[in-house]
Amino acid sequence: MTTCYYIRKLLTKYADELKSFIVAGAGMVADSKSDLNHVLESLYLEESEISLAARELEVLAQLHQNLSNQNNSNISVSGQLAEVERRIFWILGLKKN
């Protein structure tokens, strides 16, 4: 799945800046080597929540990729990229320092 690969690249890129906000032991902590499906299953209780999170990650990863291919000198694009990244990480129980 290209979505997982793309998100793992983002997790690798920001590994030093990310930290979990999930209570210790309450769910898996996502990193670049994680099975993202297992992470979602550990963080969300309902099957519908897991499916919704997975679909949202797919859309956000594609949006991030599209924005990344645009001119990054544009402040608006940079801000949109940062917001998309924040949303991706939040779904995975992470936030940037």
PDB file of N, CA and C in Angstrom:
ATOM      1  N   MET A   1       0.851  -1.189   0.000  1.00  0.00           N
ATOM      2  CA  MET A   1       0.000   0.000   0.000  1.00  0.00           C
ATOM      3  C   MET A   1       0.897   1.253   0.000  1.00  0.00           C
ATOM      4  N   THR A   2       0.698   2.104  -0.944  1.00  0.00           N
ATOM      5  CA  THR A   2       1.521   3.302  -1.062  1.00  0.00           C
ATOM      6  C   THR A   2       1.266   4.293   0.076  1.00  0.00           C
ATOM      7  N   THR A   3       0.066   4.299   0.618  1.00  0.00           N
ATOM      8  CA  THR A   3      -0.239   5.197   1.731  1.00  0.00           C
ATOM      9  C   THR A   3       0.657   4.887   2.925  1.00  0.00           C
ATOM     10  N   CYS A   4       0.769   3.617   3.262  1.00  0.00           N
ATOM     11  CA  CYS A   4       1.618   3.220   4.403  1.00  0.00           C
ATOM     12  C   CYS A   4       3.068   3.623   4.155  1.00  0.00           C
ATOM     13  N   TYR A   5       3.542   3.363   2.953  1.00  0.00           N
ATOM     14  CA  TYR A   5       4.929   3.723   2.609  1.00  0.00           C
ATOM     15  C   TYR A   5       5.137   5.221   2.753  1.00  0.00           C
ATOM     16  N   TYR A   6       4.208   6.012   2.230  1.00  0.00           N
ATOM     17  CA  TYR A   6       4.323   7.467   2.270  1.00  0.00           C
ATOM     18  C   TYR A   6       4.317   7.971   3.718  1.00  0.00           C
ATOM     19  N   ILE A   7       3.414   7.441   4.525  1.00  0.00           N
ATOM     20  CA  ILE A   7       3.327   7.878   5.920  1.00  0.00           C
ATOM     21  C   ILE A   7       4.569   7.443   6.690  1.00  0.00           C
ATOM     22  N   ARG A   8       5.097   6.263   6.391  1.00  0.00           N
ATOM     23  CA  ARG A   8       6.340   5.831   7.044  1.00  0.00           C
ATOM     24  C   ARG A   8       7.487   6.778   6.705  1.00  0.00           C
ATOM     25  N   LYS A   9       7.523   7.277   5.471  1.00  0.00           N
ATOM     26  CA  LYS A   9       8.548   8.258   5.089  1.00  0.00           C
ATOM     27  C   LYS A   9       8.408   9.524   5.942  1.00  0.00           C
ATOM     28  N   LEU A  10       7.181   9.981   6.144  1.00  0.00           N
ATOM     29  CA  LEU A  10       6.957  11.161   6.992  1.00  0.00           C
ATOM     30  C   LEU A  10       7.384  10.882   8.432  1.00  0.00           C
ATOM     31  N   LEU A  11       7.055   9.689   8.933  1.00  0.00           N
ATOM     32  CA  LEU A  11       7.443   9.328  10.297  1.00  0.00           C
ATOM     33  C   LEU A  11       8.961   9.292  10.442  1.00  0.00           C
ATOM     34  N   THR A  12       9.646   8.825   9.408  1.00  0.00           N
ATOM     35  CA  THR A  12      11.105   8.811   9.429  1.00  0.00           C
ATOM     36  C   THR A  12      11.653  10.228   9.409  1.00  0.00           C
ATOM     37  N   LYS A  13      11.088  11.057   8.538  1.00  0.00           N
ATOM     38  CA  LYS A  13      11.563  12.435   8.389  1.00  0.00           C
ATOM     39  C   LYS A  13      11.461  13.214   9.696  1.00  0.00           C
ATOM     40  N   TYR A  14      10.398  12.991  10.444  1.00  0.00           N
ATOM     41  CA  TYR A  14      10.158  13.770  11.664  1.00  0.00           C
ATOM     42  C   TYR A  14      10.363  12.956  12.942  1.00  0.00           C
ATOM     43  N   ALA A  15      11.051  11.833  12.853  1.00  0.00           N
ATOM     44  CA  ALA A  15      11.202  10.929  14.006  1.00  0.00           C
ATOM     45  C   ALA A  15      11.687  11.644  15.265  1.00  0.00           C
ATOM     46  N   ASP A  16      12.634  12.550  15.131  1.00  0.00           N
ATOM     47  CA  ASP A  16      13.192  13.241  16.297  1.00  0.00           C
ATOM     48  C   ASP A  16      12.257  14.294  16.875  1.00  0.00           C
ATOM     49  N   GLU A  17      11.229  14.681  16.110  1.00  0.00           N
ATOM     50  CA  GLU A  17      10.324  15.749  16.551  1.00  0.00           C
ATOM     51  C   GLU A  17       8.981  15.229  17.053  1.00  0.00           C
ATOM     52  N   LEU A  18       8.704  13.934  16.880  1.00  0.00           N
ATOM     53  CA  LEU A  18       7.397  13.390  17.215  1.00  0.00           C
ATOM     54  C   LEU A  18       7.396  12.733  18.590  1.00  0.00           C
ATOM     55  N   LYS A  19       6.270  12.920  19.293  1.00  0.00           N
ATOM     56  CA  LYS A  19       6.101  12.192  20.541  1.00  0.00           C
ATOM     57  C   LYS A  19       4.636  11.778  20.666  1.00  0.00           C
ATOM     58  N   SER A  20       4.446  10.660  21.320  1.00  0.00           N
ATOM     59  CA  SER A  20       3.099  10.129  21.501  1.00  0.00           C
ATOM     60  C   SER A  20       2.385  10.903  22.597  1.00  0.00           C
ATOM     61  N   PHE A  21       1.101  11.156  22.387  1.00  0.00           N
ATOM     62  CA  PHE A  21       0.312  11.770  23.448  1.00  0.00           C
ATOM     63  C   PHE A  21      -0.669  10.747  24.035  1.00  0.00           C
ATOM     64  N   ILE A  22      -0.524   9.494  23.648  1.00  0.00           N
ATOM     65  CA  ILE A  22      -1.371   8.416  24.145  1.00  0.00           C
ATOM     66  C   ILE A  22      -0.811   7.937  25.490  1.00  0.00           C
ATOM     67  N   VAL A  23      -1.687   7.656  26.434  1.00  0.00           N
ATOM     68  CA  VAL A  23      -1.262   7.148  27.735  1.00  0.00           C
ATOM     69  C   VAL A  23      -0.454   5.874  27.529  1.00  0.00           C
ATOM     70  N   ALA A  24       0.663   5.769  28.223  1.00  0.00           N
ATOM     71  CA  ALA A  24       1.546   4.603  28.091  1.00  0.00           C
ATOM     72  C   ALA A  24       0.748   3.312  28.274  1.00  0.00           C
ATOM     73  N   GLY A  25       0.897   2.397  27.332  1.00  0.00           N
ATOM     74  CA  GLY A  25       0.216   1.116  27.387  1.00  0.00           C
ATOM     75  C   GLY A  25      -1.187   1.102  26.804  1.00  0.00           C
ATOM     76  N   ALA A  26      -1.709   2.278  26.469  1.00  0.00           N
ATOM     77  CA  ALA A  26      -3.071   2.347  25.943  1.00  0.00           C
ATOM     78  C   ALA A  26      -3.152   2.038  24.456  1.00  0.00           C
ATOM     79  N   GLY A  27      -2.025   2.062  23.774  1.00  0.00           N
ATOM     80  CA  GLY A  27      -2.007   1.774  22.341  1.00  0.00           C
ATOM     81  C   GLY A  27      -0.572   1.753  21.851  1.00  0.00           C
ATOM     82  N   MET A  28      -0.397   1.229  20.660  1.00  0.00           N
ATOM     83  CA  MET A  28       0.940   1.189  20.072  1.00  0.00           C
ATOM     84  C   MET A  28       1.392   2.596  19.704  1.00  0.00           C
ATOM     85  N   VAL A  29       2.701   2.828  19.807  1.00  0.00           N
ATOM     86  CA  VAL A  29       3.268   4.096  19.367  1.00  0.00           C
ATOM     87  C   VAL A  29       3.760   3.914  17.934  1.00  0.00           C
ATOM     88  N   ALA A  30       3.256   4.735  17.044  1.00  0.00           N
ATOM     89  CA  ALA A  30       3.616   4.634  15.632  1.00  0.00           C
ATOM     90  C   ALA A  30       5.037   5.121  15.401  1.00  0.00           C
ATOM     91  N   ASP A  31       5.764   4.377  14.566  1.00  0.00           N
ATOM     92  CA  ASP A  31       7.054   4.831  14.077  1.00  0.00           C
ATOM     93  C   ASP A  31       7.225   4.314  12.657  1.00  0.00           C
ATOM     94  N   SER A  32       8.371   4.572  12.069  1.00  0.00           N
ATOM     95  CA  SER A  32       8.565   4.246  10.653  1.00  0.00           C
ATOM     96  C   SER A  32       8.561   2.745  10.370  1.00  0.00           C
ATOM     97  N   LYS A  33       8.674   1.927  11.397  1.00  0.00           N
ATOM     98  CA  LYS A  33       8.688   0.472  11.200  1.00  0.00           C
ATOM     99  C   LYS A  33       7.360  -0.176  11.581  1.00  0.00           C
ATOM    100  N   SER A  34       6.431   0.610  12.085  1.00  0.00           N
ATOM    101  CA  SER A  34       5.154   0.088  12.563  1.00  0.00           C
ATOM    102  C   SER A  34       4.263  -0.383  11.422  1.00  0.00           C
ATOM    103  N   ASP A  35       3.474  -1.398  11.726  1.00  0.00           N
ATOM    104  CA  ASP A  35       2.374  -1.777  10.842  1.00  0.00           C
ATOM    105  C   ASP A  35       1.247  -0.795  11.178  1.00  0.00           C
ATOM    106  N   LEU A  36       0.975   0.122  10.277  1.00  0.00           N
ATOM    107  CA  LEU A  36       0.024   1.196  10.574  1.00  0.00           C
ATOM    108  C   LEU A  36      -1.385   0.664  10.844  1.00  0.00           C
ATOM    109  N   ASN A  37      -1.737  -0.450  10.227  1.00  0.00           N
ATOM    110  CA  ASN A  37      -3.052  -1.050  10.514  1.00  0.00           C
ATOM    111  C   ASN A  37      -3.123  -1.501  11.968  1.00  0.00           C
ATOM    112  N   HIS A  38      -2.048  -2.111  12.475  1.00  0.00           N
ATOM    113  CA  HIS A  38      -2.014  -2.533  13.881  1.00  0.00           C
ATOM    114  C   HIS A  38      -2.044  -1.331  14.815  1.00  0.00           C
ATOM    115  N   VAL A  39      -1.366  -0.269  14.434  1.00  0.00           N
ATOM    116  CA  VAL A  39      -1.385   0.953  15.244  1.00  0.00           C
ATOM    117  C   VAL A  39      -2.813   1.474  15.352  1.00  0.00           C
ATOM    118  N   LEU A  40      -3.500   1.577  14.217  1.00  0.00           N
ATOM    119  CA  LEU A  40      -4.882   2.070  14.236  1.00  0.00           C
ATOM    120  C   LEU A  40      -5.781   1.159  15.071  1.00  0.00           C
ATOM    121  N   GLU A  41      -5.607  -0.154  14.919  1.00  0.00           N
ATOM    122  CA  GLU A  41      -6.414  -1.109  15.687  1.00  0.00           C
ATOM    123  C   GLU A  41      -6.169  -0.975  17.186  1.00  0.00           C
ATOM    124  N   SER A  42      -4.955  -0.571  17.570  1.00  0.00           N
ATOM    125  CA  SER A  42      -4.655  -0.418  18.996  1.00  0.00           C
ATOM    126  C   SER A  42      -5.162   0.916  19.554  1.00  0.00           C
ATOM    127  N   LEU A  43      -5.324   1.900  18.673  1.00  0.00           N
ATOM    128  CA  LEU A  43      -5.734   3.235  19.124  1.00  0.00           C
ATOM    129  C   LEU A  43      -7.240   3.452  19.106  1.00  0.00           C
ATOM    130  N   TYR A  44      -7.936   2.780  18.213  1.00  0.00           N
ATOM    131  CA  TYR A  44      -9.374   2.997  18.039  1.00  0.00           C
ATOM    132  C   TYR A  44     -10.124   1.725  18.392  1.00  0.00           C
ATOM    133  N   LEU A  45     -11.236   1.870  19.104  1.00  0.00           N
ATOM    134  CA  LEU A  45     -11.958   0.715  19.625  1.00  0.00           C
ATOM    135  C   LEU A  45     -12.944   0.120  18.632  1.00  0.00           C
ATOM    136  N   GLU A  46     -13.644   0.954  17.923  1.00  0.00           N
ATOM    137  CA  GLU A  46     -14.692   0.501  17.014  1.00  0.00           C
ATOM    138  C   GLU A  46     -14.140   0.270  15.615  1.00  0.00           C
ATOM    139  N   GLU A  47     -14.645  -0.746  14.948  1.00  0.00           N
ATOM    140  CA  GLU A  47     -14.239  -1.037  13.573  1.00  0.00           C
ATOM    141  C   GLU A  47     -14.509   0.160  12.658  1.00  0.00           C
ATOM    142  N   SER A  48     -15.639   0.846  12.898  1.00  0.00           N
ATOM    143  CA  SER A  48     -15.969   2.008  12.072  1.00  0.00           C
ATOM    144  C   SER A  48     -14.956   3.136  12.271  1.00  0.00           C
ATOM    145  N   GLU A  49     -14.453   3.307  13.501  1.00  0.00           N
ATOM    146  CA  GLU A  49     -13.443   4.332  13.774  1.00  0.00           C
ATOM    147  C   GLU A  49     -12.128   3.983  13.086  1.00  0.00           C
ATOM    148  N   ILE A  50     -11.766   2.705  13.106  1.00  0.00           N
ATOM    149  CA  ILE A  50     -10.536   2.250  12.453  1.00  0.00           C
ATOM    150  C   ILE A  50     -10.625   2.506  10.952  1.00  0.00           C
ATOM    151  N   SER A  51     -11.770   2.149  10.362  1.00  0.00           N
ATOM    152  CA  SER A  51     -11.963   2.355   8.918  1.00  0.00           C
ATOM    153  C   SER A  51     -11.931   3.832   8.558  1.00  0.00           C
ATOM    154  N   LEU A  52     -12.570   4.642   9.368  1.00  0.00           N
ATOM    155  CA  LEU A  52     -12.593   6.086   9.120  1.00  0.00           C
ATOM    156  C   LEU A  52     -11.186   6.669   9.215  1.00  0.00           C
ATOM    157  N   ALA A  53     -10.426   6.276  10.227  1.00  0.00           N
ATOM    158  CA  ALA A  53      -9.057   6.765  10.385  1.00  0.00           C
ATOM    159  C   ALA A  53      -8.191   6.335   9.203  1.00  0.00           C
ATOM    160  N   ALA A  54      -8.346   5.089   8.765  1.00  0.00           N
ATOM    161  CA  ALA A  54      -7.564   4.587   7.628  1.00  0.00           C
ATOM    162  C   ALA A  54      -7.908   5.356   6.354  1.00  0.00           C
ATOM    163  N   ARG A  55      -9.187   5.607   6.122  1.00  0.00           N
ATOM    164  CA  ARG A  55      -9.597   6.373   4.934  1.00  0.00           C
ATOM    165  C   ARG A  55      -9.072   7.801   5.002  1.00  0.00           C
ATOM    166  N   GLU A  56      -9.151   8.405   6.184  1.00  0.00           N
ATOM    167  CA  GLU A  56      -8.658   9.777   6.334  1.00  0.00           C
ATOM    168  C   GLU A  56      -7.151   9.839   6.091  1.00  0.00           C
ATOM    169  N   LEU A  57      -6.413   8.840   6.570  1.00  0.00           N
ATOM    170  CA  LEU A  57      -4.975   8.797   6.323  1.00  0.00           C
ATOM    171  C   LEU A  57      -4.674   8.688   4.833  1.00  0.00           C
ATOM    172  N   GLU A  58      -5.461   7.897   4.118  1.00  0.00           N
ATOM    173  CA  GLU A  58      -5.264   7.770   2.670  1.00  0.00           C
ATOM    174  C   GLU A  58      -5.454   9.109   1.967  1.00  0.00           C
ATOM    175  N   VAL A  59      -6.525   9.814   2.322  1.00  0.00           N
ATOM    176  CA  VAL A  59      -6.817  11.110   1.712  1.00  0.00           C
ATOM    177  C   VAL A  59      -5.735  12.128   2.071  1.00  0.00           C
ATOM    178  N   LEU A  60      -5.346  12.157   3.340  1.00  0.00           N
ATOM    179  CA  LEU A  60      -4.330  13.112   3.786  1.00  0.00           C
ATOM    180  C   LEU A  60      -2.976  12.832   3.150  1.00  0.00           C
ATOM    181  N   ALA A  61      -2.618  11.563   3.013  1.00  0.00           N
ATOM    182  CA  ALA A  61      -1.335  11.219   2.381  1.00  0.00           C
ATOM    183  C   ALA A  61      -1.327  11.670   0.928  1.00  0.00           C
ATOM    184  N   GLN A  62      -2.435  11.460   0.232  1.00  0.00           N
ATOM    185  CA  GLN A  62      -2.512  11.892  -1.164  1.00  0.00           C
ATOM    186  C   GLN A  62      -2.471  13.412  -1.256  1.00  0.00           C
ATOM    187  N   LEU A  63      -3.179  14.101  -0.370  1.00  0.00           N
ATOM    188  CA  LEU A  63      -3.162  15.560  -0.344  1.00  0.00           C
ATOM    189  C   LEU A  63      -1.751  16.066  -0.053  1.00  0.00           C
ATOM    190  N   HIS A  64      -1.071  15.452   0.898  1.00  0.00           N
ATOM    191  CA  HIS A  64       0.298  15.848   1.236  1.00  0.00           C
ATOM    192  C   HIS A  64       1.211  15.679   0.026  1.00  0.00           C
ATOM    193  N   GLN A  65       1.059  14.562  -0.653  1.00  0.00           N
ATOM    194  CA  GLN A  65       1.886  14.303  -1.831  1.00  0.00           C
ATOM    195  C   GLN A  65       1.623  15.354  -2.911  1.00  0.00           C
ATOM    196  N   ASN A  66       0.363  15.685  -3.138  1.00  0.00           N
ATOM    197  CA  ASN A  66       0.017  16.701  -4.139  1.00  0.00           C
ATOM    198  C   ASN A  66       0.577  18.069  -3.758  1.00  0.00           C
ATOM    199  N   LEU A  67       0.446  18.432  -2.487  1.00  0.00           N
ATOM    200  CA  LEU A  67       0.977  19.720  -2.029  1.00  0.00           C
ATOM    201  C   LEU A  67       2.500  19.751  -2.124  1.00  0.00           C
ATOM    202  N   SER A  68       3.140  18.625  -1.813  1.00  0.00           N
ATOM    203  CA  SER A  68       4.600  18.546  -1.872  1.00  0.00           C
ATOM    204  C   SER A  68       5.122  18.751  -3.285  1.00  0.00           C
ATOM    205  N   ASN A  69       4.321  18.375  -4.270  1.00  0.00           N
ATOM    206  CA  ASN A  69       4.737  18.515  -5.660  1.00  0.00           C
ATOM    207  C   ASN A  69       4.543  19.938  -6.187  1.00  0.00           C
ATOM    208  N   GLN A  70       3.867  20.781  -5.395  1.00  0.00           N
ATOM    209  CA  GLN A  70       3.690  22.175  -5.782  1.00  0.00           C
ATOM    210  C   GLN A  70       4.908  22.973  -5.351  1.00  0.00           C
ATOM    211  N   ASN A  71       4.909  24.217  -5.703  1.00  0.00           N
ATOM    212  CA  ASN A  71       6.008  25.114  -5.364  1.00  0.00           C
ATOM    213  C   ASN A  71       6.049  25.344  -3.855  1.00  0.00           C
ATOM    214  N   ASN A  72       7.056  24.790  -3.179  1.00  0.00           N
ATOM    215  CA  ASN A  72       7.144  24.892  -1.725  1.00  0.00           C
ATOM    216  C   ASN A  72       7.534  26.279  -1.234  1.00  0.00           C
ATOM    217  N   SER A  73       7.909  27.194  -2.130  1.00  0.00           N
ATOM    218  CA  SER A  73       8.238  28.543  -1.688  1.00  0.00           C
ATOM    219  C   SER A  73       6.964  29.335  -1.382  1.00  0.00           C
ATOM    220  N   ASN A  74       5.831  28.795  -1.773  1.00  0.00           N
ATOM    221  CA  ASN A  74       4.550  29.435  -1.512  1.00  0.00           C
ATOM    222  C   ASN A  74       4.193  29.229  -0.031  1.00  0.00           C
ATOM    223  N   ILE A  75       4.015  30.325   0.697  1.00  0.00           N
ATOM    224  CA  ILE A  75       3.736  30.258   2.137  1.00  0.00           C
ATOM    225  C   ILE A  75       2.434  29.520   2.403  1.00  0.00           C
ATOM    226  N   SER A  76       1.441  29.719   1.552  1.00  0.00           N
ATOM    227  CA  SER A  76       0.162  29.050   1.729  1.00  0.00           C
ATOM    228  C   SER A  76       0.328  27.535   1.633  1.00  0.00           C
ATOM    229  N   VAL A  77       1.098  27.080   0.651  1.00  0.00           N
ATOM    230  CA  VAL A  77       1.335  25.640   0.485  1.00  0.00           C
ATOM    231  C   VAL A  77       2.090  25.097   1.684  1.00  0.00           C
ATOM    232  N   SER A  78       3.090  25.812   2.156  1.00  0.00           N
ATOM    233  CA  SER A  78       3.858  25.364   3.317  1.00  0.00           C
ATOM    234  C   SER A  78       2.955  25.218   4.546  1.00  0.00           C
ATOM    235  N   GLY A  79       2.061  26.173   4.736  1.00  0.00           N
ATOM    236  CA  GLY A  79       1.121  26.113   5.856  1.00  0.00           C
ATOM    237  C   GLY A  79       0.156  24.951   5.722  1.00  0.00           C
ATOM    238  N   GLN A  80      -0.308  24.711   4.505  1.00  0.00           N
ATOM    239  CA  GLN A  80      -1.214  23.588   4.262  1.00  0.00           C
ATOM    240  C   GLN A  80      -0.499  22.263   4.514  1.00  0.00           C
ATOM    241  N   LEU A  81       0.752  22.165   4.063  1.00  0.00           N
ATOM    242  CA  LEU A  81       1.542  20.950   4.305  1.00  0.00           C
ATOM    243  C   LEU A  81       1.678  20.692   5.801  1.00  0.00           C
ATOM    244  N   ALA A  82       2.001  21.722   6.550  1.00  0.00           N
ATOM    245  CA  ALA A  82       2.173  21.585   7.999  1.00  0.00           C
ATOM    246  C   ALA A  82       0.873  21.118   8.656  1.00  0.00           C
ATOM    247  N   GLU A  83      -0.255  21.646   8.209  1.00  0.00           N
ATOM    248  CA  GLU A  83      -1.552  21.251   8.772  1.00  0.00           C
ATOM    249  C   GLU A  83      -1.888  19.810   8.413  1.00  0.00           C
ATOM    250  N   VAL A  84      -1.616  19.391   7.194  1.00  0.00           N
ATOM    251  CA  VAL A  84      -1.863  18.009   6.781  1.00  0.00           C
ATOM    252  C   VAL A  84      -0.985  17.061   7.595  1.00  0.00           C
ATOM    253  N   GLU A  85       0.270  17.420   7.784  1.00  0.00           N
ATOM    254  CA  GLU A  85       1.171  16.604   8.603  1.00  0.00           C
ATOM    255  C   GLU A  85       0.645  16.505  10.032  1.00  0.00           C
ATOM    256  N   ARG A  86       0.215  17.623  10.588  1.00  0.00           N
ATOM    257  CA  ARG A  86      -0.310  17.630  11.954  1.00  0.00           C
ATOM    258  C   ARG A  86      -1.496  16.670  12.063  1.00  0.00           C
ATOM    259  N   ARG A  87      -2.385  16.699  11.078  1.00  0.00           N
ATOM    260  CA  ARG A  87      -3.563  15.823  11.101  1.00  0.00           C
ATOM    261  C   ARG A  87      -3.176  14.352  10.955  1.00  0.00           C
ATOM    262  N   ILE A  88      -2.213  14.049  10.085  1.00  0.00           N
ATOM    263  CA  ILE A  88      -1.745  12.669   9.923  1.00  0.00           C
ATOM    264  C   ILE A  88      -1.182  12.156  11.246  1.00  0.00           C
ATOM    265  N   PHE A  89      -0.300  12.946  11.851  1.00  0.00           N
ATOM    266  CA  PHE A  89       0.331  12.513  13.089  1.00  0.00           C
ATOM    267  C   PHE A  89      -0.698  12.370  14.213  1.00  0.00           C
ATOM    268  N   TRP A  90      -1.661  13.295  14.265  1.00  0.00           N
ATOM    269  CA  TRP A  90      -2.678  13.258  15.309  1.00  0.00           C
ATOM    270  C   TRP A  90      -3.487  11.960  15.231  1.00  0.00           C
ATOM    271  N   ILE A  91      -3.869  11.557  14.033  1.00  0.00           N
ATOM    272  CA  ILE A  91      -4.614  10.301  13.858  1.00  0.00           C
ATOM    273  C   ILE A  91      -3.816   9.125  14.405  1.00  0.00           C
ATOM    274  N   LEU A  92      -2.503   9.203  14.293  1.00  0.00           N
ATOM    275  CA  LEU A  92      -1.626   8.136  14.761  1.00  0.00           C
ATOM    276  C   LEU A  92      -1.212   8.303  16.226  1.00  0.00           C
ATOM    277  N   GLY A  93      -1.810   9.276  16.914  1.00  0.00           N
ATOM    278  CA  GLY A  93      -1.512   9.475  18.333  1.00  0.00           C
ATOM    279  C   GLY A  93      -0.199  10.197  18.588  1.00  0.00           C
ATOM    280  N   LEU A  94       0.253  10.971  17.598  1.00  0.00           N
ATOM    281  CA  LEU A  94       1.529  11.671  17.713  1.00  0.00           C
ATOM    282  C   LEU A  94       1.349  13.173  17.538  1.00  0.00           C
ATOM    283  N   LYS A  95       2.285  13.914  18.106  1.00  0.00           N
ATOM    284  CA  LYS A  95       2.331  15.352  17.845  1.00  0.00           C
ATOM    285  C   LYS A  95       3.791  15.774  17.761  1.00  0.00           C
ATOM    286  N   LYS A  96       4.019  16.847  17.014  1.00  0.00           N
ATOM    287  CA  LYS A  96       5.367  17.372  16.877  1.00  0.00           C
ATOM    288  C   LYS A  96       5.683  18.248  18.086  1.00  0.00           C
ATOM    289  N   ASN A  97       6.942  18.184  18.515  1.00  0.00           N
ATOM    290  CA  ASN A  97       7.391  19.011  19.653  1.00  0.00           C
ATOM    291  C   ASN A  97       7.410  20.463  19.275  1.00  0.00           C
TER     292      ASN A  97
END
